[in-house]
């Protein structure tokens, strides 16, 4: 964890004012971080969920997270710590994770304990390890993501507005169903304009593997040839390594070429979803 900077000194003339300042004059508000950790496992999009071992929402599924350690860490450090505690990732592995702030959730009634503001984070990485429950979690597991963004079938998390199926897990604790929905919307949109899809893959990958990321998150099949041409037409999106995959192509064809992420921060032209082209 990166060291925190020392507190800023008081401005000239403010020492006496600070000495008389009483923070208890204000109703306390706590700050937490919640992590929407997404990964592909067996080519399916999964989210990390924990089962809460203690009230509130004991027994409910929830996103991993926890309270920010006041005076000890910033938001980014708290998010990285919580992610490491739930996944067992060490510092070196964490550097491979794409971690970005999603948004803030501060409704006064979102937590029955007190007014708690949560700052949610999105985390993406390829094939993250099996999680380990920590803190107030009874268990932790990678769960296939529900809704039209994820392909395939099987038990899935219910998103807001989706009717429950027999045996379906309960609505997520707190407002985490909305946080998850917002995270999936963010991921779907960012795949169009940024090279985010490469964060789900190993450092070297094939174009079919890259296409599988788009298909799983967007929830629709893409034309292989058109996708290949579009990817290679975007400057700086992917860079050829000069090597080929150890596995043969489909139907016994030649082994596909290996690529790595390029230096582009934005995709120009964008890879728009078929319904938006």
C-alpha atoms as a PDB file:
ATOM      1  CA  UNK A   1       0.000   0.000   0.000  1.00  0.00           C
ATOM      2  CA  UNK A   2       1.338   3.401  -0.939  1.00  0.00           C
ATOM      3  CA  UNK A   3       2.257   5.631   2.010  1.00  0.00           C
ATOM      4  CA  UNK A   4      -0.188   8.408   2.781  1.00  0.00           C
ATOM      5  CA  UNK A   5       1.014  12.022   2.638  1.00  0.00           C
ATOM      6  CA  UNK A   6       1.375  13.882   5.901  1.00  0.00           C
ATOM      7  CA  UNK A   7      -1.595  16.084   6.882  1.00  0.00           C
ATOM      8  CA  UNK A   8      -1.454  19.532   5.387  1.00  0.00           C
ATOM      9  CA  UNK A   9      -0.351  22.138   7.927  1.00  0.00           C
ATOM     10  CA  UNK A  10      -2.796  24.812   8.969  1.00  0.00           C
ATOM     11  CA  UNK A  11      -2.670  28.078   7.083  1.00  0.00           C
ATOM     12  CA  UNK A  12      -1.191  31.044   8.928  1.00  0.00           C
ATOM     13  CA  UNK A  13      -3.662  32.283  11.499  1.00  0.00           C
ATOM     14  CA  UNK A  14      -5.780  29.121  11.511  1.00  0.00           C
ATOM     15  CA  UNK A  15      -4.141  27.300  14.432  1.00  0.00           C
ATOM     16  CA  UNK A  16      -6.376  28.949  17.042  1.00  0.00           C
ATOM     17  CA  UNK A  17      -9.477  28.267  14.947  1.00  0.00           C
ATOM     18  CA  UNK A  18      -8.536  24.590  14.591  1.00  0.00           C
ATOM     19  CA  UNK A  19      -7.921  24.290  18.324  1.00  0.00           C
ATOM     20  CA  UNK A  20     -11.538  25.313  18.959  1.00  0.00           C
ATOM     21  CA  UNK A  21     -13.004  23.301  16.076  1.00  0.00           C
ATOM     22  CA  UNK A  22     -15.309  20.490  17.224  1.00  0.00           C
ATOM     23  CA  UNK A  23     -16.064  17.872  14.516  1.00  0.00           C
ATOM     24  CA  UNK A  24     -18.798  16.466  16.770  1.00  0.00           C
ATOM     25  CA  UNK A  25     -20.895  19.508  15.891  1.00  0.00           C
ATOM     26  CA  UNK A  26     -21.827  17.649  12.706  1.00  0.00           C
ATOM     27  CA  UNK A  27     -23.741  14.394  12.349  1.00  0.00           C
ATOM     28  CA  UNK A  28     -21.145  11.690  11.614  1.00  0.00           C
ATOM     29  CA  UNK A  29     -21.043  10.145   8.147  1.00  0.00           C
ATOM     30  CA  UNK A  30     -18.995   7.028   7.420  1.00  0.00           C
ATOM     31  CA  UNK A  31     -17.295   6.187   4.120  1.00  0.00           C
ATOM     32  CA  UNK A  32     -16.957   2.733   2.609  1.00  0.00           C
ATOM     33  CA  UNK A  33     -15.659   1.317  -0.652  1.00  0.00           C
ATOM     34  CA  UNK A  34     -17.441  -1.391  -2.641  1.00  0.00           C
ATOM     35  CA  UNK A  35     -15.747  -3.354  -5.395  1.00  0.00           C
ATOM     36  CA  UNK A  36     -17.368  -4.642  -8.579  1.00  0.00           C
ATOM     37  CA  UNK A  37     -14.694  -7.154  -9.596  1.00  0.00           C
ATOM     38  CA  UNK A  38     -15.333  -8.633 -13.041  1.00  0.00           C
ATOM     39  CA  UNK A  39     -13.416 -11.414 -14.733  1.00  0.00           C
ATOM     40  CA  UNK A  40     -13.907 -14.027 -17.434  1.00  0.00           C
ATOM     41  CA  UNK A  41     -13.940 -17.644 -16.291  1.00  0.00           C
ATOM     42  CA  UNK A  42     -14.452 -20.294 -18.981  1.00  0.00           C
ATOM     43  CA  UNK A  43     -15.357 -17.434 -21.341  1.00  0.00           C
ATOM     44  CA  UNK A  44     -18.214 -16.254 -19.123  1.00  0.00           C
ATOM     45  CA  UNK A  45     -18.426 -12.948 -17.300  1.00  0.00           C
ATOM     46  CA  UNK A  46     -18.359 -13.371 -13.511  1.00  0.00           C
ATOM     47  CA  UNK A  47     -18.672 -10.931 -10.618  1.00  0.00           C
ATOM     48  CA  UNK A  48     -17.218 -11.463  -7.164  1.00  0.00           C
ATOM     49  CA  UNK A  49     -19.930 -11.717  -4.502  1.00  0.00           C
ATOM     50  CA  UNK A  50     -19.707 -12.426  -0.789  1.00  0.00           C
ATOM     51  CA  UNK A  51     -22.272 -13.798   1.627  1.00  0.00           C
ATOM     52  CA  UNK A  52     -22.649 -11.501   4.614  1.00  0.00           C
ATOM     53  CA  UNK A  53     -21.996 -13.285   7.915  1.00  0.00           C
ATOM     54  CA  UNK A  54     -23.316 -10.509  10.168  1.00  0.00           C
ATOM     55  CA  UNK A  55     -26.186  -7.997  10.221  1.00  0.00           C
ATOM     56  CA  UNK A  56     -27.254  -5.939   8.459  1.00  0.00           C
ATOM     57  CA  UNK A  57     -28.394  -8.159   5.583  1.00  0.00           C
ATOM     58  CA  UNK A  58     -26.980 -11.283   7.216  1.00  0.00           C
ATOM     59  CA  UNK A  59     -27.083 -14.161   4.736  1.00  0.00           C
ATOM     60  CA  UNK A  60     -27.517 -11.873   1.729  1.00  0.00           C
ATOM     61  CA  UNK A  61     -25.146 -11.699  -1.197  1.00  0.00           C
ATOM     62  CA  UNK A  62     -23.243  -8.425  -1.546  1.00  0.00           C
ATOM     63  CA  UNK A  63     -20.346  -6.842  -3.350  1.00  0.00           C
ATOM     64  CA  UNK A  64     -17.077  -7.040  -1.392  1.00  0.00           C
ATOM     65  CA  UNK A  65     -16.072  -3.889   0.402  1.00  0.00           C
ATOM     66  CA  UNK A  66     -15.559  -2.274   3.752  1.00  0.00           C
ATOM     67  CA  UNK A  67     -15.004   0.882   5.710  1.00  0.00           C
ATOM     68  CA  UNK A  68     -12.209   3.269   4.802  1.00  0.00           C
ATOM     69  CA  UNK A  69      -9.659   3.388   7.605  1.00  0.00           C
ATOM     70  CA  UNK A  70     -10.000   7.011   8.645  1.00  0.00           C
ATOM     71  CA  UNK A  71      -6.711   8.856   8.830  1.00  0.00           C
ATOM     72  CA  UNK A  72      -4.782   5.866   7.464  1.00  0.00           C
ATOM     73  CA  UNK A  73      -5.688   5.419   3.795  1.00  0.00           C
ATOM     74  CA  UNK A  74      -7.281   7.111   0.831  1.00  0.00           C
ATOM     75  CA  UNK A  75     -10.097   5.747  -1.313  1.00  0.00           C
ATOM     76  CA  UNK A  76      -7.865   4.078  -3.916  1.00  0.00           C
ATOM     77  CA  UNK A  77      -5.770   2.424  -1.206  1.00  0.00           C
ATOM     78  CA  UNK A  78      -8.891   1.162   0.575  1.00  0.00           C
ATOM     79  CA  UNK A  79     -10.270  -0.301  -2.655  1.00  0.00           C
ATOM     80  CA  UNK A  80      -7.002  -2.075  -3.431  1.00  0.00           C
ATOM     81  CA  UNK A  81      -6.822  -3.436   0.114  1.00  0.00           C
ATOM     82  CA  UNK A  82     -10.369  -4.776   0.048  1.00  0.00           C
ATOM     83  CA  UNK A  83      -9.801  -6.398  -3.347  1.00  0.00           C
ATOM     84  CA  UNK A  84      -6.586  -8.043  -2.131  1.00  0.00           C
ATOM     85  CA  UNK A  85      -8.295  -9.326   1.031  1.00  0.00           C
ATOM     86  CA  UNK A  86     -11.123 -10.950  -0.909  1.00  0.00           C
ATOM     87  CA  UNK A  87      -9.084 -12.423  -3.774  1.00  0.00           C
ATOM     88  CA  UNK A  88      -5.732 -13.169  -2.153  1.00  0.00           C
ATOM     89  CA  UNK A  89      -3.892 -11.185  -4.812  1.00  0.00           C
ATOM     90  CA  UNK A  90      -0.434 -10.036  -3.834  1.00  0.00           C
ATOM     91  CA  UNK A  91       1.015  -6.627  -4.697  1.00  0.00           C
ATOM     92  CA  UNK A  92       2.541  -7.873  -7.968  1.00  0.00           C
ATOM     93  CA  UNK A  93      -0.738  -9.426  -9.116  1.00  0.00           C
ATOM     94  CA  UNK A  94      -2.693  -6.324  -8.161  1.00  0.00           C
ATOM     95  CA  UNK A  95      -0.635  -4.295 -10.614  1.00  0.00           C
ATOM     96  CA  UNK A  96      -2.254  -6.300 -13.424  1.00  0.00           C
ATOM     97  CA  UNK A  97      -5.751  -5.323 -12.281  1.00  0.00           C
ATOM     98  CA  UNK A  98      -7.512  -2.420 -13.954  1.00  0.00           C
ATOM     99  CA  UNK A  99      -9.097  -0.508 -11.049  1.00  0.00           C
ATOM    100  CA  UNK A 100     -11.166   2.613 -11.591  1.00  0.00           C
ATOM    101  CA  UNK A 101     -13.697   4.601  -9.608  1.00  0.00           C
ATOM    102  CA  UNK A 102     -17.278   3.959 -10.695  1.00  0.00           C
ATOM    103  CA  UNK A 103     -19.315   6.419  -8.650  1.00  0.00           C
ATOM    104  CA  UNK A 104     -20.609   7.412  -5.237  1.00  0.00           C
ATOM    105  CA  UNK A 105     -23.775   6.190  -3.529  1.00  0.00           C
ATOM    106  CA  UNK A 106     -24.971   8.247  -0.582  1.00  0.00           C
ATOM    107  CA  UNK A 107     -28.715   7.858  -0.043  1.00  0.00           C
ATOM    108  CA  UNK A 108     -29.355   8.370   3.696  1.00  0.00           C
ATOM    109  CA  UNK A 109     -31.369   5.132   3.912  1.00  0.00           C
ATOM    110  CA  UNK A 110     -29.018   2.848   1.966  1.00  0.00           C
ATOM    111  CA  UNK A 111     -27.608   1.365   5.197  1.00  0.00           C
ATOM    112  CA  UNK A 112     -29.642   0.885   8.403  1.00  0.00           C
ATOM    113  CA  UNK A 113     -26.642   1.470  10.679  1.00  0.00           C
ATOM    114  CA  UNK A 114     -26.046   5.119   9.910  1.00  0.00           C
ATOM    115  CA  UNK A 115     -25.534   7.472   6.991  1.00  0.00           C
ATOM    116  CA  UNK A 116     -22.825   5.669   5.024  1.00  0.00           C
ATOM    117  CA  UNK A 117     -21.503   6.954   1.704  1.00  0.00           C
ATOM    118  CA  UNK A 118     -20.030   4.261  -0.516  1.00  0.00           C
ATOM    119  CA  UNK A 119     -17.513   4.947  -3.253  1.00  0.00           C
ATOM    120  CA  UNK A 120     -17.778   2.089  -5.742  1.00  0.00           C
ATOM    121  CA  UNK A 121     -14.886   0.807  -7.843  1.00  0.00           C
ATOM    122  CA  UNK A 122     -14.676  -1.316 -10.968  1.00  0.00           C
ATOM    123  CA  UNK A 123     -11.948  -3.954 -11.187  1.00  0.00           C
ATOM    124  CA  UNK A 124     -11.081  -5.969 -14.311  1.00  0.00           C
ATOM    125  CA  UNK A 125      -8.486  -8.682 -14.693  1.00  0.00           C
ATOM    126  CA  UNK A 126      -8.035 -11.976 -16.553  1.00  0.00           C
ATOM    127  CA  UNK A 127      -8.945 -15.213 -14.774  1.00  0.00           C
ATOM    128  CA  UNK A 128      -8.706 -13.963 -11.195  1.00  0.00           C
ATOM    129  CA  UNK A 129      -8.117 -16.712  -8.589  1.00  0.00           C
ATOM    130  CA  UNK A 130     -10.758 -18.320  -6.415  1.00  0.00           C
ATOM    131  CA  UNK A 131     -11.726 -15.815  -3.713  1.00  0.00           C
ATOM    132  CA  UNK A 132     -11.239 -16.168   0.014  1.00  0.00           C
ATOM    133  CA  UNK A 133     -13.835 -14.758   2.388  1.00  0.00           C
ATOM    134  CA  UNK A 134     -12.566 -12.099   4.751  1.00  0.00           C
ATOM    135  CA  UNK A 135     -13.883  -9.596   7.268  1.00  0.00           C
ATOM    136  CA  UNK A 136     -17.644  -9.935   7.792  1.00  0.00           C
ATOM    137  CA  UNK A 137     -18.117 -12.362   4.871  1.00  0.00           C
ATOM    138  CA  UNK A 138     -19.182 -15.978   5.454  1.00  0.00           C
ATOM    139  CA  UNK A 139     -18.184 -17.017   1.950  1.00  0.00           C
ATOM    140  CA  UNK A 140     -17.077 -15.556  -1.375  1.00  0.00           C
ATOM    141  CA  UNK A 141     -17.536 -16.839  -4.898  1.00  0.00           C
ATOM    142  CA  UNK A 142     -17.354 -15.847  -8.536  1.00  0.00           C
ATOM    143  CA  UNK A 143     -20.938 -15.698  -9.811  1.00  0.00           C
ATOM    144  CA  UNK A 144     -22.044 -15.589 -13.466  1.00  0.00           C
ATOM    145  CA  UNK A 145     -23.503 -12.197 -14.306  1.00  0.00           C
ATOM    146  CA  UNK A 146     -27.170 -11.874 -15.166  1.00  0.00           C
ATOM    147  CA  UNK A 147     -28.953  -9.916 -17.832  1.00  0.00           C
ATOM    148  CA  UNK A 148     -28.553  -9.481 -21.574  1.00  0.00           C
ATOM    149  CA  UNK A 149     -24.875  -8.572 -21.275  1.00  0.00           C
ATOM    150  CA  UNK A 150     -23.842 -12.112 -20.327  1.00  0.00           C
ATOM    151  CA  UNK A 151     -24.296 -15.037 -22.693  1.00  0.00           C
ATOM    152  CA  UNK A 152     -24.904 -18.665 -21.848  1.00  0.00           C
ATOM    153  CA  UNK A 153     -27.257 -20.104 -19.273  1.00  0.00           C
ATOM    154  CA  UNK A 154     -27.301 -21.290 -15.682  1.00  0.00           C
ATOM    155  CA  UNK A 155     -27.683 -19.662 -12.285  1.00  0.00           C
ATOM    156  CA  UNK A 156     -27.193 -15.923 -12.514  1.00  0.00           C
ATOM    157  CA  UNK A 157     -27.459 -12.882 -10.305  1.00  0.00           C
ATOM    158  CA  UNK A 158     -30.763 -11.053 -10.754  1.00  0.00           C
ATOM    159  CA  UNK A 159     -30.352  -7.467 -11.884  1.00  0.00           C
ATOM    160  CA  UNK A 160     -32.944  -4.758 -11.176  1.00  0.00           C
ATOM    161  CA  UNK A 161     -36.102  -5.251 -13.195  1.00  0.00           C
ATOM    162  CA  UNK A 162     -35.447  -8.922 -13.958  1.00  0.00           C
ATOM    163  CA  UNK A 163     -38.092 -11.322 -12.588  1.00  0.00           C
ATOM    164  CA  UNK A 164     -36.723 -13.958 -10.206  1.00  0.00           C
ATOM    165  CA  UNK A 165     -36.348 -17.517 -11.417  1.00  0.00           C
ATOM    166  CA  UNK A 166     -36.825 -20.626  -9.243  1.00  0.00           C
ATOM    167  CA  UNK A 167     -33.748 -21.053  -7.059  1.00  0.00           C
ATOM    168  CA  UNK A 168     -32.385 -17.635  -8.007  1.00  0.00           C
ATOM    169  CA  UNK A 169     -30.280 -15.878  -5.332  1.00  0.00           C
ATOM    170  CA  UNK A 170     -31.879 -12.953  -3.456  1.00  0.00           C
ATOM    171  CA  UNK A 171     -31.534  -9.319  -4.360  1.00  0.00           C
ATOM    172  CA  UNK A 172     -28.121  -8.048  -3.345  1.00  0.00           C
ATOM    173  CA  UNK A 173     -27.674  -6.322   0.007  1.00  0.00           C
ATOM    174  CA  UNK A 174     -27.878  -2.557   0.428  1.00  0.00           C
ATOM    175  CA  UNK A 175     -28.089  -0.876  -3.005  1.00  0.00           C
ATOM    176  CA  UNK A 176     -25.580  -3.244  -4.583  1.00  0.00           C
ATOM    177  CA  UNK A 177     -27.990  -4.355  -7.300  1.00  0.00           C
ATOM    178  CA  UNK A 178     -27.946  -0.791  -8.640  1.00  0.00           C
ATOM    179  CA  UNK A 179     -24.164  -0.560  -8.241  1.00  0.00           C
ATOM    180  CA  UNK A 180     -23.726  -3.769 -10.221  1.00  0.00           C
ATOM    181  CA  UNK A 181     -26.112  -2.614 -12.944  1.00  0.00           C
ATOM    182  CA  UNK A 182     -24.228   0.689 -13.231  1.00  0.00           C
ATOM    183  CA  UNK A 183     -20.918  -1.170 -13.416  1.00  0.00           C
ATOM    184  CA  UNK A 184     -22.109  -3.413 -16.250  1.00  0.00           C
ATOM    185  CA  UNK A 185     -23.409  -0.403 -18.154  1.00  0.00           C
ATOM    186  CA  UNK A 186     -20.042   1.314 -17.689  1.00  0.00           C
ATOM    187  CA  UNK A 187     -18.133  -1.757 -18.880  1.00  0.00           C
ATOM    188  CA  UNK A 188     -20.369  -2.194 -21.948  1.00  0.00           C
ATOM    189  CA  UNK A 189     -19.965   1.442 -22.945  1.00  0.00           C
ATOM    190  CA  UNK A 190     -16.212   1.589 -22.329  1.00  0.00           C
ATOM    191  CA  UNK A 191     -15.635  -1.379 -24.631  1.00  0.00           C
ATOM    192  CA  UNK A 192     -16.771   0.824 -27.502  1.00  0.00           C
ATOM    193  CA  UNK A 193     -14.403   3.723 -26.956  1.00  0.00           C
ATOM    194  CA  UNK A 194     -11.457   2.353 -24.959  1.00  0.00           C
ATOM    195  CA  UNK A 195      -9.164  -0.708 -25.082  1.00  0.00           C
ATOM    196  CA  UNK A 196     -10.705  -1.959 -21.816  1.00  0.00           C
ATOM    197  CA  UNK A 197     -11.399  -5.407 -23.298  1.00  0.00           C
ATOM    198  CA  UNK A 198      -7.678  -6.183 -23.257  1.00  0.00           C
ATOM    199  CA  UNK A 199      -7.739  -5.930 -19.437  1.00  0.00           C
ATOM    200  CA  UNK A 200      -9.712  -9.190 -19.375  1.00  0.00           C
ATOM    201  CA  UNK A 201      -7.008 -11.050 -21.310  1.00  0.00           C
ATOM    202  CA  UNK A 202      -3.516 -12.321 -20.728  1.00  0.00           C
ATOM    203  CA  UNK A 203      -0.665 -10.073 -21.964  1.00  0.00           C
ATOM    204  CA  UNK A 204      -0.689 -11.913 -25.314  1.00  0.00           C
ATOM    205  CA  UNK A 205      -3.977 -12.876 -26.943  1.00  0.00           C
ATOM    206  CA  UNK A 206      -5.617 -13.675 -30.257  1.00  0.00           C
ATOM    207  CA  UNK A 207      -8.272 -11.614 -32.015  1.00  0.00           C
ATOM    208  CA  UNK A 208     -10.855 -14.418 -31.488  1.00  0.00           C
ATOM    209  CA  UNK A 209     -10.129 -14.249 -27.747  1.00  0.00           C
ATOM    210  CA  UNK A 210     -10.613 -10.487 -27.855  1.00  0.00           C
ATOM    211  CA  UNK A 211     -13.865 -10.931 -29.763  1.00  0.00           C
ATOM    212  CA  UNK A 212     -15.085 -13.365 -27.086  1.00  0.00           C
ATOM    213  CA  UNK A 213     -14.761 -10.594 -24.475  1.00  0.00           C
ATOM    214  CA  UNK A 214     -16.951  -8.266 -26.520  1.00  0.00           C
ATOM    215  CA  UNK A 215     -19.506 -10.998 -27.210  1.00  0.00           C
ATOM    216  CA  UNK A 216     -19.804 -11.985 -23.560  1.00  0.00           C
ATOM    217  CA  UNK A 217     -20.143  -8.464 -22.163  1.00  0.00           C
ATOM    218  CA  UNK A 218     -22.386  -7.205 -24.956  1.00  0.00           C
ATOM    219  CA  UNK A 219     -24.381 -10.452 -24.988  1.00  0.00           C
ATOM    220  CA  UNK A 220     -24.438 -10.909 -28.770  1.00  0.00           C
ATOM    221  CA  UNK A 221     -22.512 -12.682 -31.481  1.00  0.00           C
ATOM    222  CA  UNK A 222     -20.226 -10.593 -33.692  1.00  0.00           C
ATOM    223  CA  UNK A 223     -19.203 -11.287 -37.267  1.00  0.00           C
ATOM    224  CA  UNK A 224     -15.677 -12.701 -36.995  1.00  0.00           C
ATOM    225  CA  UNK A 225     -14.325 -11.184 -40.198  1.00  0.00           C
ATOM    226  CA  UNK A 226     -15.804  -7.732 -39.641  1.00  0.00           C
ATOM    227  CA  UNK A 227     -14.568  -7.651 -36.054  1.00  0.00           C
ATOM    228  CA  UNK A 228     -11.058  -8.658 -37.118  1.00  0.00           C
ATOM    229  CA  UNK A 229     -10.899  -5.878 -39.704  1.00  0.00           C
ATOM    230  CA  UNK A 230     -12.232  -3.275 -37.295  1.00  0.00           C
ATOM    231  CA  UNK A 231      -9.733  -4.182 -34.567  1.00  0.00           C
ATOM    232  CA  UNK A 232      -6.751  -3.973 -36.909  1.00  0.00           C
ATOM    233  CA  UNK A 233      -8.001  -0.676 -38.369  1.00  0.00           C
ATOM    234  CA  UNK A 234      -7.891   1.149 -35.007  1.00  0.00           C
ATOM    235  CA  UNK A 235      -4.443   2.724 -34.535  1.00  0.00           C
ATOM    236  CA  UNK A 236      -2.721   1.581 -31.355  1.00  0.00           C
ATOM    237  CA  UNK A 237      -5.453  -0.829 -30.241  1.00  0.00           C
ATOM    238  CA  UNK A 238      -3.449  -4.033 -30.636  1.00  0.00           C
ATOM    239  CA  UNK A 239       0.122  -4.748 -31.734  1.00  0.00           C
ATOM    240  CA  UNK A 240       1.245  -7.955 -33.427  1.00  0.00           C
ATOM    241  CA  UNK A 241       3.889  -9.902 -31.502  1.00  0.00           C
ATOM    242  CA  UNK A 242       5.138 -11.843 -34.514  1.00  0.00           C
ATOM    243  CA  UNK A 243       4.189 -15.121 -32.827  1.00  0.00           C
ATOM    244  CA  UNK A 244       1.246 -17.476 -33.179  1.00  0.00           C
ATOM    245  CA  UNK A 245      -0.893 -19.259 -30.621  1.00  0.00           C
ATOM    246  CA  UNK A 246       0.036 -22.781 -29.553  1.00  0.00           C
ATOM    247  CA  UNK A 247      -3.524 -23.860 -30.411  1.00  0.00           C
ATOM    248  CA  UNK A 248      -4.794 -24.336 -33.940  1.00  0.00           C
ATOM    249  CA  UNK A 249      -7.547 -22.186 -35.321  1.00  0.00           C
ATOM    250  CA  UNK A 250     -11.149 -23.251 -35.717  1.00  0.00           C
ATOM    251  CA  UNK A 251     -11.859 -26.198 -38.007  1.00  0.00           C
ATOM    252  CA  UNK A 252      -8.197 -27.137 -38.088  1.00  0.00           C
ATOM    253  CA  UNK A 253      -7.083 -23.869 -39.698  1.00  0.00           C
ATOM    254  CA  UNK A 254      -3.729 -22.162 -39.165  1.00  0.00           C
ATOM    255  CA  UNK A 255      -2.760 -21.099 -35.679  1.00  0.00           C
ATOM    256  CA  UNK A 256      -4.020 -17.547 -35.006  1.00  0.00           C
ATOM    257  CA  UNK A 257      -1.586 -14.699 -34.548  1.00  0.00           C
ATOM    258  CA  UNK A 258      -0.824 -13.335 -31.106  1.00  0.00           C
ATOM    259  CA  UNK A 259      -1.262  -9.658 -30.242  1.00  0.00           C
ATOM    260  CA  UNK A 260      -0.706  -7.463 -27.213  1.00  0.00           C
ATOM    261  CA  UNK A 261      -2.402  -4.265 -26.112  1.00  0.00           C
ATOM    262  CA  UNK A 262      -1.157  -1.166 -27.888  1.00  0.00           C
ATOM    263  CA  UNK A 263      -0.700   2.309 -26.503  1.00  0.00           C
ATOM    264  CA  UNK A 264      -4.073   3.758 -27.498  1.00  0.00           C
ATOM    265  CA  UNK A 265      -6.103   5.319 -24.686  1.00  0.00           C
ATOM    266  CA  UNK A 266      -9.165   5.859 -26.872  1.00  0.00           C
ATOM    267  CA  UNK A 267     -10.365   3.865 -29.875  1.00  0.00           C
ATOM    268  CA  UNK A 268     -10.674   6.016 -32.979  1.00  0.00           C
ATOM    269  CA  UNK A 269     -12.770   4.909 -34.791  1.00  0.00           C
ATOM    270  CA  UNK A 270     -14.824   3.383 -31.975  1.00  0.00           C
ATOM    271  CA  UNK A 271     -15.985  -0.245 -32.013  1.00  0.00           C
ATOM    272  CA  UNK A 272     -19.700   0.433 -31.738  1.00  0.00           C
ATOM    273  CA  UNK A 273     -22.191  -2.194 -30.722  1.00  0.00           C
ATOM    274  CA  UNK A 274     -24.056  -3.513 -33.766  1.00  0.00           C
ATOM    275  CA  UNK A 275     -27.374  -1.849 -32.819  1.00  0.00           C
ATOM    276  CA  UNK A 276     -25.596   1.530 -32.565  1.00  0.00           C
ATOM    277  CA  UNK A 277     -23.690   1.391 -35.848  1.00  0.00           C
END
